[in-house]
Each structure stands twice: as structure tokens, then as C-alpha cells.
Amino acid sequence: MSSLSRRKFLEDSMLAAAAAVAASGVNNAWADEAGTPQSKSPNERLGVACVGVRGQGKSHLGAYSSRKDTEVLYVCDVDEAVGRERVKEVAARQGREPKYVADLRQLLDDKSVDIITTATPNHWHALVAIWAIQSGKDVYVEKPVSHNVSEGRRIVDAARKYNRICQTGTQCRSMKGSIDAIDYVRAGKIGTLNIARGLCYKKRDSIGPKGDYPIPASVNYDLWSGPAPVKPLTRERLHYDWHWMWDYGNGDLGNQGIHQMDLARWGLGAKKLSTEVVSYGGRLGYEDAGETANTQVIVHDYGDQQLVFEVRGLPTEPLRDAKVGVIFEGSDGFVVLTDYTAGAAFDLKGNKVAEFKGGGDHHGNFLKAVRSRKIEDLNADILEGHLSSALCHMGNISYRLGSRAAMKDIEMRLAGNDDAVDTFERFTDHLKSNGVDTDKQQITYGRELHFDIDDERFVNDSQADAMLTREYRAPFIVPAAGRV
């Protein structure tokens, strides 16, 4: 194929891909949010490095290699087999092959790189973001932005200190359906908002028995472990199932749930963390190598309002037609978001009174802010990502500091709070429907924690405070407060 024919083939392929994406309503690879065509000038093209490209990172590569105003210069992944394959895919899409590196540090000093995006496992998110920011790059960091509360605040500190643009990967913030629904709630159209209820009803199967499994030959396990201790692989699958291990992930609360946690906090208009939190649940229905809860309730107290979050990894029926979504309960009605781009409002009798739908371009919004240098242009600034991620971490801290208790004893503790009792009864019914003997099964009832929202520390609880951060493995150390 001649170079001219090849270029024409690539252009036709990218146009077809862009048209398909645009039709989905999620991304428009050929125009910005105002519909303005992207610049073709090489002088205005932004260089991008994508770090962690097996799962969600593959979508990052697709977003930036399909545009006219960006070019993927580096593919970085500690799994060489994955990284090399992504290099080929990007080359086919953008017509030019990016470099492959396993170690992020090899590309930080390259001045041609303007942007670093990351979709590594959670325990790497903060360090990638901070190193990139310190190197003068703008950053797109996947959710949750942190593995613990302190890390999120450190990214915010770094972004502000070095005047960098940092977008959080909570795509709902750029979706018209979500934006319109939140505006509806915030305008008081369902009356006084009492509860924002986040739902992560997402079936997760057993990950298999705990054991001693081989590390894939293509993986640099020292780099994969990074800030975490280097431990034997106790689960069958290295990739993805790290979500259910405390050293690397945060359970489905910090995996899928962070999206809905963010929407719930957004709808409440909460600009701070909660003053009280408690969580209960367990890893129920099977025994496997996983450590995190697969069935969990988290309650954040915001005074006159509550944020209640429910994780269900076993088969379950939807709540008000939502499984992975958010329900805002007001004095005059309620709003249900059933996915990232759609939802509806109802009166107290259940009559639909409004609908919300429409997609958006989260990466495009990030690029708009990169060019304007205005934090306020971001739909999901890193501060928003920190706060919503921290709500997940706080719930997990309560859970991990809890103690085992009989179901009937927990129900007695909740007596007098109608909503808490209703939530617990649905929690119990869900377990029964999955064959869990709730008369015999004990679950973990978390420690009831009080939080100083200004200092972002727990009140008179050194054990909980210790879990706001972690012990880091040199040289993969997230800077402490004041040292970014």
C-alpha cells in the first residue's frame, strides 16, 4: 500500500470510528464541546503518555489517538505483553507508533509530553499523578484518585502548587443526563433533599480459592507492586482481581461505586467530607481469596442530610429500577439516575414528571481546561475526585475497624431510625434470597467514626487516623503533607 493510500485508509478508519463514538453520545473525537473542529496544526498538538493500559487505560489510548489535536507518544505498562500490543493498536489508529516503556520514570523528563493519563491499579494512582505534576505535566487520573484519604489531598496540593490541570475520571460529571438531573435536584424541584442513596448492585463472582500462584512472565512485579509491599500472589488472576485486595484496591465501593458516590455527594451539594461515618457488611455467599466486602452499607452523616451507599455483589433486584445508579429522596418526590447518561424525576406517587438523558466528552473537557489553563473549566477537578474517593475510604476504614455481630443485634442497634431499619431489612432480605442463613451468619458492624472535616482527621481515634495513609515501600513514596 502506498503512503498516500495508507494515509487515506487510516483517515477513513478514524472517521468511521469517530462517527460511531459520536453516535453513542459519549465522546466526539473530531470537535470540542462547542462543536468547533480540532486544530490540525502540529504546533498545537498535545503529546500524551498513557500509564496503565490493560483495562480502562485502553479507552484512554482510544480517546487520545483518535483526535487530531493530540498524539499518544508513550504507552507505559508494567505488563510488557499488554504494552506492546497496545503500541500496535495505537499505531494503527494514529498512523505513528508510540514508544513503549515499563517504568513511568523513563518518560517524565520528556518535554514533548504535555499530558499523562493513568488507569493503573488504585495503589499507583496518587504516585503517578504527583510525579507527573512535579514534572510539569497535566494529568487525567482514573477513579478513585487515591488508595487512601491522605493521598487524594496530596494530589490536590501538588496540582495547586505547580499550577497543573488535573481531571478525575468520574465521567458522569460530563454527561448531560447526569448534569441535568443534578441541576434539577439542586434547584429544589423534589423539595427538601433528605437522602442521597448510591447503589452498586453489580454481580461479582468468586475469584477462586486463596493460594500461591505464579506471577505472569510478562509482568515486572516489583514495578507492579510499587508503593505496596511485594507479596506472594494469593489469587489466581493478577489483573483486575486486585480490586478485592486491601493492599491494592478498595473493593467495589472504590471501583464501580466511586462513580455513584460522586454523583450522590454532588447532588447533596457537599463541599466537605462527612462528620460521621459507619459501615457494615461482609464478604458473603462464598469463600475465596478476596478480602474486601462484597455486601456493604455505608452511611455518611451530613447533619440534616444523609448519604447512604449500598454495595451488593450477589444477584439482586433493582431498587426503583436502578442497579448501578443514584436515588435522591426529597420531601416532594425523588430522582433516579439509572446509568451514566439517563434518569428521571418522580412525584411522591411515583408518577414520572421529568426525564434526563444525554452523553458528553470527559476527555474533551479535560483538554479544554489544559488549553485554557483554567481549573474552573474542569467538570471533575482533582478536589472533587479527592472528596468523593475519600468518602469511600472512610467507609472502608469504619468497616475494617469493626467487629463481628449477629444480624439481630445489629437490627436492635438501628432501632428508632426508620430509614436505617429499612435499609438493613432490605440488606437482610437480599442475603436471604442468596441462600445466606441470616439467623446464623455474623457480619461486621463497623466502628462509628467522627471526623474533623477541616483537618481531615478522625476525632480522638489514632487507630482510624493511621488508616488515612499507609506505609510506603521506597522509592515509591507518596509525599507527606507539606512535602509535595
Protein backbone atom coordinates (compact mmCIF):
# COMPACT_ATOMS: atom_id res chain seq x y z
CA MET A 1 0.00 0.00 0.00
CA SER A 2 1.41 3.43 -0.94
CA SER A 3 1.90 6.05 1.77
CA LEU A 4 -0.93 8.11 0.29
CA SER A 5 -3.27 5.14 0.17
CA ARG A 6 -2.31 4.15 3.70
CA ARG A 7 -2.99 7.66 4.99
CA LYS A 8 -6.37 7.68 3.23
CA PHE A 9 -7.17 4.27 4.75
CA LEU A 10 -6.23 5.49 8.24
CA GLU A 11 -8.24 8.68 7.86
CA ASP A 12 -11.30 6.75 6.68
CA SER A 13 -10.92 4.28 9.56
CA MET A 14 -10.61 7.04 12.17
CA LEU A 15 -13.55 8.95 10.71
CA ALA A 16 -15.69 5.82 10.89
CA ALA A 17 -14.61 5.22 14.49
CA ALA A 18 -15.28 8.84 15.40
CA ALA A 19 -18.74 8.70 13.85
CA ALA A 20 -19.56 5.58 15.86
CA VAL A 21 -18.37 7.19 19.08
CA ALA A 22 -20.25 10.40 18.39
CA ALA A 23 -23.42 8.42 17.78
CA SER A 24 -23.06 6.88 21.23
CA GLY A 25 -23.30 10.34 22.78
CA VAL A 26 -20.26 9.78 24.97
CA ASN A 27 -17.37 11.26 23.05
CA ASN A 28 -16.82 13.32 19.92
CA ALA A 29 -13.31 12.77 18.69
CA TRP A 30 -13.47 15.43 16.00
CA ALA A 31 -14.87 18.52 17.70
CA ASP A 32 -14.70 20.16 21.07
CA GLU A 33 -17.70 20.61 23.33
CA ALA A 34 -18.87 23.64 21.33
CA GLY A 35 -18.63 21.68 18.07
CA THR A 36 -15.52 23.53 16.92
CA PRO A 37 -13.25 21.37 14.71
CA GLN A 38 -9.95 20.42 16.31
CA SER A 39 -6.76 22.04 15.09
CA LYS A 40 -4.67 20.05 12.61
CA SER A 41 -1.59 22.14 13.28
CA PRO A 42 1.32 20.06 14.62
CA ASN A 43 2.31 23.10 16.69
CA GLU A 44 -0.95 22.84 18.63
CA ARG A 45 -0.94 19.06 19.06
CA LEU A 46 -0.57 17.88 22.65
CA GLY A 47 1.71 14.96 23.44
CA VAL A 48 0.19 12.26 25.66
CA ALA A 49 1.60 9.38 27.69
CA CYS A 50 -0.85 6.75 28.95
CA VAL A 51 0.18 4.77 32.04
CA GLY A 52 -1.61 1.50 32.81
CA VAL A 53 -3.33 0.42 29.61
CA ARG A 54 -4.82 -3.02 30.13
CA GLY A 55 -8.42 -2.12 31.05
CA GLN A 56 -9.74 1.43 31.37
CA GLY A 57 -6.40 2.70 30.09
CA LYS A 58 -7.23 1.21 26.71
CA SER A 59 -10.08 3.72 26.46
CA HIS A 60 -7.60 6.50 27.25
CA LEU A 61 -5.47 5.38 24.32
CA GLY A 62 -8.54 5.33 22.11
CA ALA A 63 -9.56 8.82 23.15
CA TYR A 64 -6.19 10.49 22.53
CA SER A 65 -5.03 8.54 19.47
CA SER A 66 -8.31 9.23 17.63
CA ARG A 67 -8.09 13.02 17.85
CA LYS A 68 -6.41 15.50 15.52
CA ASP A 69 -5.13 17.69 18.34
CA THR A 70 -3.44 15.01 20.47
CA GLU A 71 -0.90 12.28 19.84
CA VAL A 72 -0.02 9.32 22.05
CA LEU A 73 3.76 9.42 22.40
CA TYR A 74 4.18 6.77 25.10
CA VAL A 75 2.45 3.59 26.18
CA CYS A 76 3.54 2.66 29.70
CA ASP A 77 2.60 -0.60 31.37
CA VAL A 78 4.43 -2.99 33.70
CA ASP A 79 2.99 -5.91 31.70
CA GLU A 80 5.14 -5.87 28.57
CA ALA A 81 2.80 -8.17 26.63
CA VAL A 82 -0.09 -5.76 27.18
CA GLY A 83 2.02 -2.68 26.49
CA ARG A 84 3.46 -3.99 23.22
CA GLU A 85 0.01 -4.96 21.98
CA ARG A 86 -1.35 -1.50 22.76
CA VAL A 87 1.54 0.08 20.84
CA LYS A 88 0.41 -1.76 17.72
CA GLU A 89 -3.21 -0.73 18.24
CA VAL A 90 -2.30 2.93 18.69
CA ALA A 91 -0.01 2.89 15.64
CA ALA A 92 -2.81 1.53 13.50
CA ARG A 93 -5.14 4.25 14.73
CA GLN A 94 -2.95 7.35 14.63
CA GLY A 95 -0.51 6.29 11.92
CA ARG A 96 2.55 6.70 14.11
CA GLU A 97 3.97 4.28 16.65
CA PRO A 98 4.33 5.45 20.26
CA LYS A 99 7.24 4.36 22.43
CA TYR A 100 6.79 1.58 24.95
CA VAL A 101 8.23 1.80 28.48
CA ALA A 102 7.54 -0.27 31.57
CA ASP A 103 8.66 2.36 34.07
CA LEU A 104 6.89 5.74 34.25
CA ARG A 105 10.12 7.41 35.39
CA GLN A 106 11.64 6.84 31.95
CA LEU A 107 9.29 9.36 30.33
CA LEU A 108 8.85 12.05 32.97
CA ASP A 109 11.68 14.27 31.68
CA ASP A 110 10.49 14.19 28.05
CA LYS A 111 9.44 17.78 27.28
CA SER A 112 7.32 16.64 24.33
CA VAL A 113 4.88 15.02 26.79
CA ASP A 114 2.25 17.55 27.86
CA ILE A 115 -0.26 15.16 29.44
CA ILE A 116 -0.05 11.96 31.45
CA THR A 117 -3.14 9.83 31.96
CA THR A 118 -3.28 6.91 34.35
CA ALA A 119 -5.51 3.89 34.78
CA THR A 120 -3.18 1.74 36.87
CA PRO A 121 -4.38 -0.23 39.90
CA ASN A 122 -5.56 2.13 42.66
CA HIS A 123 -2.42 1.89 44.78
CA TRP A 124 -0.43 3.60 41.99
CA HIS A 125 -2.86 6.42 41.14
CA ALA A 126 -1.56 9.08 43.53
CA LEU A 127 2.12 8.49 42.86
CA VAL A 128 1.67 8.59 39.07
CA ALA A 129 -0.33 11.81 39.37
CA ILE A 130 2.11 13.52 41.77
CA TRP A 131 5.25 12.53 39.86
CA ALA A 132 3.63 13.72 36.63
CA ILE A 133 2.56 17.03 38.15
CA GLN A 134 6.01 17.61 39.64
CA SER A 135 7.44 17.03 36.16
CA GLY A 136 5.27 19.80 34.72
CA LYS A 137 2.60 17.60 33.11
CA ASP A 138 -1.16 17.94 33.24
CA VAL A 139 -2.89 14.80 34.49
CA TYR A 140 -6.02 12.75 33.91
CA VAL A 141 -6.25 10.28 36.82
CA GLU A 142 -8.78 7.49 37.00
CA LYS A 143 -11.13 6.95 39.89
CA PRO A 144 -10.67 6.53 42.75
CA VAL A 145 -7.91 9.10 42.55
CA SER A 146 -6.28 7.62 45.65
CA HIS A 147 -5.81 4.43 47.62
CA ASN A 148 -6.31 6.29 50.92
CA VAL A 149 -7.58 9.65 52.15
CA SER A 150 -4.19 11.36 52.55
CA GLU A 151 -3.10 10.53 49.00
CA GLY A 152 -6.03 12.40 47.48
CA ARG A 153 -5.26 15.56 49.42
CA ARG A 154 -1.58 15.30 48.38
CA ILE A 155 -2.58 15.27 44.69
CA VAL A 156 -4.71 18.37 45.25
CA ASP A 157 -1.76 20.04 47.00
CA ALA A 158 0.58 19.18 44.13
CA ALA A 159 -1.81 20.36 41.42
CA ARG A 160 -2.26 23.71 43.15
CA LYS A 161 1.43 24.18 43.97
CA TYR A 162 2.63 23.50 40.41
CA ASN A 163 -0.39 25.09 38.68
CA ARG A 164 -1.29 21.92 36.81
CA ILE A 165 -4.65 20.84 35.39
CA CYS A 166 -5.80 17.56 36.94
CA GLN A 167 -9.03 15.86 35.90
CA THR A 168 -10.67 12.97 37.78
CA GLY A 169 -12.03 10.07 35.73
CA THR A 170 -15.61 10.36 37.00
CA GLN A 171 -17.17 10.64 33.55
CA CYS A 172 -20.69 11.27 34.85
CA ARG A 173 -19.59 14.83 35.61
CA SER A 174 -19.54 15.49 31.85
CA MET A 175 -22.74 13.67 30.90
CA LYS A 176 -25.72 15.88 30.04
CA GLY A 177 -28.18 13.45 31.61
CA SER A 178 -26.33 13.49 34.94
CA ILE A 179 -25.75 17.25 34.86
CA ASP A 180 -29.42 18.00 34.20
CA ALA A 181 -30.58 15.59 36.91
CA ILE A 182 -28.26 17.13 39.50
CA ASP A 183 -29.37 20.63 38.48
CA TYR A 184 -32.99 19.53 38.96
CA VAL A 185 -32.26 18.23 42.46
CA ARG A 186 -30.16 21.24 43.44
CA ALA A 187 -32.93 23.60 42.25
CA GLY A 188 -35.24 22.15 44.91
CA LYS A 189 -37.65 20.51 42.44
CA ILE A 190 -38.08 17.44 44.65
CA GLY A 191 -38.42 19.61 47.73
CA THR A 192 -36.05 19.27 50.65
CA LEU A 193 -33.41 16.67 49.87
CA ASN A 194 -33.17 14.19 52.74
CA ILE A 195 -31.12 11.28 51.43
CA ALA A 196 -28.80 10.64 48.52
CA ARG A 197 -28.63 6.89 48.03
CA GLY A 198 -25.84 5.42 45.91
CA LEU A 199 -26.23 1.92 44.50
CA CYS A 200 -23.59 -0.50 43.32
CA TYR A 201 -25.66 -3.59 42.64
CA LYS A 202 -23.15 -5.37 40.44
CA LYS A 203 -22.77 -9.16 40.44
CA ARG A 204 -19.24 -10.30 41.25
CA ASP A 205 -18.37 -13.98 41.20
CA SER A 206 -15.87 -15.71 43.46
CA ILE A 207 -12.26 -15.11 42.41
CA GLY A 208 -11.26 -18.61 43.42
CA PRO A 209 -9.52 -20.09 46.43
CA LYS A 210 -6.62 -18.47 48.21
CA GLY A 211 -3.32 -20.00 47.18
CA ASP A 212 0.20 -19.34 45.93
CA TYR A 213 0.04 -18.53 42.22
CA PRO A 214 2.78 -17.72 39.68
CA ILE A 215 3.37 -14.14 38.54
CA PRO A 216 2.79 -13.79 34.77
CA ALA A 217 6.15 -13.89 32.98
CA SER A 218 5.43 -10.65 31.10
CA VAL A 219 4.92 -8.62 34.31
CA ASN A 220 7.57 -6.67 36.21
CA TYR A 221 6.12 -7.49 39.62
CA ASP A 222 8.39 -5.12 41.53
CA LEU A 223 7.04 -2.21 39.47
CA TRP A 224 3.50 -3.59 39.66
CA SER A 225 3.72 -3.62 43.46
CA GLY A 226 5.21 -0.13 43.56
CA PRO A 227 4.16 1.63 46.80
CA ALA A 228 2.72 -1.60 48.22
CA PRO A 229 4.72 -4.42 49.81
CA VAL A 230 5.92 -7.16 47.47
CA LYS A 231 3.86 -10.17 48.50
CA PRO A 232 3.16 -13.61 47.02
CA LEU A 233 0.24 -13.68 44.59
CA THR A 234 -2.57 -15.28 46.60
CA ARG A 235 -5.29 -15.04 43.94
CA GLU A 236 -5.39 -16.83 40.62
CA ARG A 237 -5.63 -13.71 38.45
CA LEU A 238 -3.14 -10.88 38.96
CA HIS A 239 -5.02 -8.38 36.82
CA TYR A 240 -8.37 -6.89 37.84
CA ASP A 241 -8.89 -9.06 40.93
CA TRP A 242 -6.52 -6.74 42.79
CA HIS A 243 -9.69 -4.68 43.36
CA TRP A 244 -10.66 -7.11 46.12
CA MET A 245 -7.31 -6.98 47.96
CA TRP A 246 -6.70 -4.23 50.55
CA ASP A 247 -3.05 -3.64 49.57
CA TYR A 248 -4.04 -2.54 46.07
CA GLY A 249 -7.78 -1.90 45.81
CA ASN A 250 -10.76 -0.58 47.73
CA GLY A 251 -13.48 -3.11 46.93
CA ASP A 252 -16.41 -2.29 44.69
CA LEU A 253 -17.05 0.75 46.86
CA GLY A 254 -13.91 2.28 45.35
CA ASN A 255 -14.20 0.56 41.98
CA GLN A 256 -17.65 0.96 40.43
CA GLY A 257 -19.12 2.66 43.49
CA ILE A 258 -16.96 5.77 43.35
CA HIS A 259 -18.94 6.97 40.32
CA GLN A 260 -22.21 6.80 42.21
CA MET A 261 -20.64 8.12 45.43
CA ASP A 262 -19.53 11.16 43.45
CA LEU A 263 -23.00 11.72 41.99
CA ALA A 264 -24.58 11.38 45.43
CA ARG A 265 -22.23 13.92 47.02
CA TRP A 266 -22.68 16.24 44.03
CA GLY A 267 -26.45 16.14 44.42
CA LEU A 268 -26.17 16.93 48.13
CA GLY A 269 -24.00 19.93 47.30
CA ALA A 270 -21.48 18.71 49.88
CA LYS A 271 -18.13 20.51 49.53
CA LYS A 272 -16.59 18.76 52.52
CA LEU A 273 -16.34 15.25 53.87
CA SER A 274 -18.94 13.96 56.31
CA THR A 275 -18.73 14.45 60.08
CA GLU A 276 -19.72 10.85 60.92
CA VAL A 277 -19.49 7.53 59.12
CA VAL A 278 -20.36 3.91 59.85
CA SER A 279 -20.35 0.83 57.65
CA TYR A 280 -21.48 -2.78 57.96
CA GLY A 281 -21.34 -5.87 55.76
CA GLY A 282 -19.03 -8.69 54.80
CA ARG A 283 -17.70 -10.94 52.08
CA LEU A 284 -20.73 -13.21 51.96
CA GLY A 285 -22.21 -16.00 49.87
CA TYR A 286 -18.91 -17.72 49.12
CA GLU A 287 -15.35 -18.08 50.41
CA ASP A 288 -12.47 -17.07 48.15
CA ALA A 289 -9.15 -15.22 48.08
CA GLY A 290 -10.83 -11.81 48.20
CA GLU A 291 -10.52 -9.58 51.27
CA THR A 292 -12.90 -6.67 50.68
CA ALA A 293 -16.64 -6.70 51.36
CA ASN A 294 -18.93 -7.81 48.55
CA THR A 295 -22.05 -6.78 50.50
CA GLN A 296 -21.78 -3.48 52.33
CA VAL A 297 -23.75 -0.46 53.55
CA ILE A 298 -22.04 2.86 54.29
CA VAL A 299 -23.81 5.77 56.00
CA HIS A 300 -22.33 9.27 55.93
CA ASP A 301 -23.91 11.88 58.19
CA TYR A 302 -24.20 15.42 56.83
CA GLY A 303 -26.40 16.79 59.60
CA ASP A 304 -29.85 17.27 58.09
CA GLN A 305 -28.93 15.00 55.18
CA GLN A 306 -27.50 11.54 54.79
CA LEU A 307 -25.53 9.83 52.08
CA VAL A 308 -26.30 6.12 52.15
CA PHE A 309 -24.35 3.75 49.93
CA GLU A 310 -25.17 0.12 49.18
CA VAL A 311 -22.82 -2.43 47.60
CA ARG A 312 -24.25 -5.77 46.50
CA GLY A 313 -22.02 -8.25 44.69
CA LEU A 314 -24.53 -11.10 44.83
CA PRO A 315 -27.52 -11.34 42.45
CA THR A 316 -30.13 -8.75 43.39
CA GLU A 317 -33.26 -6.99 42.22
CA PRO A 318 -33.05 -3.28 41.37
CA LEU A 319 -34.26 -0.53 43.68
CA ARG A 320 -36.64 1.82 41.88
CA ASP A 321 -35.34 0.40 38.58
CA ALA A 322 -31.73 1.25 39.44
CA LYS A 323 -28.90 -1.21 39.98
CA VAL A 324 -25.83 0.91 39.33
CA GLY A 325 -27.21 4.36 39.98
CA VAL A 326 -28.29 7.02 42.45
CA ILE A 327 -31.60 7.86 44.10
CA PHE A 328 -32.24 11.31 45.54
CA GLU A 329 -35.12 11.25 48.03
CA GLY A 330 -36.86 14.55 48.70
CA SER A 331 -39.91 15.81 50.56
CA ASP A 332 -41.88 16.27 47.32
CA GLY A 333 -40.53 13.48 45.12
CA PHE A 334 -37.44 11.65 44.03
CA VAL A 335 -34.93 11.46 41.18
CA VAL A 336 -33.43 8.21 39.94
CA LEU A 337 -30.29 8.00 37.82
CA THR A 338 -30.22 4.54 36.26
CA ASP A 339 -26.93 4.87 34.39
CA TYR A 340 -24.24 7.39 33.47
CA THR A 341 -26.36 9.29 30.96
CA ALA A 342 -30.03 8.84 31.89
CA GLY A 343 -32.54 9.25 34.68
CA ALA A 344 -35.95 10.59 35.62
CA ALA A 345 -37.83 12.54 38.28
CA PHE A 346 -40.98 11.30 40.01
CA ASP A 347 -43.57 12.75 42.37
CA LEU A 348 -44.35 11.06 45.69
CA LYS A 349 -46.97 8.84 43.99
CA GLY A 350 -44.39 7.52 41.55
CA ASN A 351 -45.58 9.47 38.53
CA LYS A 352 -42.78 10.44 36.16
CA VAL A 353 -42.55 14.21 35.85
CA ALA A 354 -39.24 14.74 34.03
CA GLU A 355 -36.58 12.82 32.11
CA PHE A 356 -32.85 13.39 31.77
CA LYS A 357 -30.61 11.97 29.10
CA GLY A 358 -27.53 12.74 27.08
CA GLY A 359 -23.83 11.98 26.95
CA GLY A 360 -20.70 14.10 26.89
CA ASP A 361 -16.95 14.18 26.36
CA HIS A 362 -14.96 13.95 29.59
CA HIS A 363 -11.57 13.77 27.92
CA GLY A 364 -12.58 16.68 25.69
CA ASN A 365 -13.48 18.71 28.77
CA PHE A 366 -10.05 17.95 30.22
CA LEU A 367 -8.33 19.13 27.03
CA LYS A 368 -10.38 22.32 27.06
CA ALA A 369 -9.02 23.12 30.53
CA VAL A 370 -5.48 22.12 29.54
CA ARG A 371 -5.60 24.74 26.79
CA SER A 372 -7.37 27.45 28.81
CA ARG A 373 -5.29 26.82 31.99
CA LYS A 374 -8.48 27.41 33.99
CA ILE A 375 -9.32 24.94 36.76
CA GLU A 376 -12.91 26.15 36.67
CA ASP A 377 -13.25 24.75 33.13
CA LEU A 378 -12.88 21.22 34.51
CA ASN A 379 -16.02 19.24 35.16
CA ALA A 380 -14.17 16.99 37.62
CA ASP A 381 -11.25 18.84 39.16
CA ILE A 382 -8.99 16.74 41.37
CA LEU A 383 -10.54 18.27 44.51
CA GLU A 384 -13.89 16.73 43.55
CA GLY A 385 -12.15 13.43 42.97
CA HIS A 386 -10.41 13.58 46.32
CA LEU A 387 -13.58 14.27 48.29
CA SER A 388 -15.64 11.52 46.66
CA SER A 389 -12.79 9.00 46.83
CA ALA A 390 -12.24 9.86 50.50
CA LEU A 391 -15.89 9.11 51.31
CA CYS A 392 -15.27 5.59 50.00
CA HIS A 393 -12.08 5.24 52.02
CA MET A 394 -13.79 6.47 55.20
CA GLY A 395 -16.49 3.84 54.80
CA ASN A 396 -13.88 1.13 54.38
CA ILE A 397 -11.96 2.34 57.45
CA SER A 398 -15.11 2.04 59.56
CA TYR A 399 -15.72 -1.44 58.17
CA ARG A 400 -12.15 -2.64 58.72
CA LEU A 401 -12.16 -1.44 62.33
CA GLY A 402 -15.46 -3.14 63.06
CA SER A 403 -16.30 -6.31 64.93
CA ARG A 404 -18.42 -9.35 64.17
CA ALA A 405 -22.02 -9.24 65.31
CA ALA A 406 -25.24 -11.22 64.90
CA MET A 407 -27.78 -9.74 62.49
CA LYS A 408 -30.46 -9.45 65.17
CA ASP A 409 -28.07 -7.48 67.40
CA ILE A 410 -27.33 -5.02 64.60
CA GLU A 411 -31.01 -4.56 63.90
CA MET A 412 -31.56 -3.69 67.57
CA ARG A 413 -28.80 -1.06 67.38
CA LEU A 414 -30.56 0.57 64.45
CA ALA A 415 -34.00 0.63 66.06
CA GLY A 416 -35.57 4.07 66.14
CA ASN A 417 -34.11 5.20 62.81
CA ASP A 418 -36.74 4.28 60.22
CA ASP A 419 -34.51 4.69 57.20
CA ALA A 420 -31.64 2.77 58.79
CA VAL A 421 -34.00 -0.08 59.69
CA ASP A 422 -35.49 -0.12 56.18
CA THR A 423 -32.03 -0.24 54.60
CA PHE A 424 -30.95 -3.04 56.93
CA GLU A 425 -34.11 -5.06 56.27
CA ARG A 426 -33.51 -4.85 52.51
CA PHE A 427 -29.88 -5.81 53.15
CA THR A 428 -31.04 -8.87 55.12
CA ASP A 429 -33.68 -9.88 52.56
CA HIS A 430 -31.06 -9.67 49.82
CA LEU A 431 -28.78 -12.08 51.70
CA LYS A 432 -31.64 -14.49 52.37
CA SER A 433 -32.51 -14.53 48.66
CA ASN A 434 -28.95 -15.67 48.00
CA GLY A 435 -29.09 -18.54 50.47
CA VAL A 436 -27.29 -16.83 53.36
CA ASP A 437 -28.63 -18.03 56.71
CA THR A 438 -29.08 -14.67 58.42
CA ASP A 439 -30.04 -16.34 61.71
CA LYS A 440 -26.58 -17.88 61.97
CA GLN A 441 -24.42 -15.59 59.81
CA GLN A 442 -22.46 -12.89 61.59
CA ILE A 443 -21.37 -9.77 59.72
CA THR A 444 -19.00 -6.94 60.51
CA TYR A 445 -20.52 -3.86 62.12
CA GLY A 446 -18.05 -1.04 61.62
CA ARG A 447 -16.72 1.41 64.14
CA GLU A 448 -18.82 4.58 64.39
CA LEU A 449 -16.30 7.27 63.49
CA HIS A 450 -16.39 11.05 63.92
CA PHE A 451 -14.43 13.19 61.50
CA ASP A 452 -12.87 16.66 61.63
CA ILE A 453 -13.72 17.96 58.17
CA ASP A 454 -11.22 20.83 58.30
CA ASP A 455 -8.16 18.83 59.31
CA GLU A 456 -9.38 15.69 57.51
CA ARG A 457 -8.63 13.52 60.52
CA PHE A 458 -10.77 11.40 62.80
CA VAL A 459 -11.70 12.69 66.22
CA ASN A 460 -9.84 11.02 69.10
CA ASP A 461 -9.15 7.81 67.18
CA SER A 462 -5.47 7.20 66.47
CA GLN A 463 -6.19 3.76 65.05
CA ALA A 464 -8.52 5.18 62.43
CA ASP A 465 -6.09 8.05 61.73
CA ALA A 466 -3.34 5.54 60.98
CA MET A 467 -5.51 4.19 58.15
CA LEU A 468 -5.75 7.60 56.48
CA THR A 469 -2.40 6.77 54.89
CA ARG A 470 -0.16 3.71 54.52
CA GLU A 471 3.45 2.62 54.96
CA TYR A 472 5.17 3.10 51.60
CA ARG A 473 7.90 0.98 50.05
CA ALA A 474 10.91 3.00 48.94
CA PRO A 475 11.43 4.51 46.45
CA PHE A 476 7.68 4.54 45.71
CA ILE A 477 6.77 7.03 48.42
CA VAL A 478 3.81 9.41 48.24
CA PRO A 479 4.96 12.69 49.81
CA ALA A 480 3.61 13.62 53.22
CA ALA A 481 1.66 16.82 53.87
CA GLY A 482 3.70 19.91 53.02
CA ARG A 483 6.28 17.98 51.02
CA VAL A 484 4.82 17.74 47.55
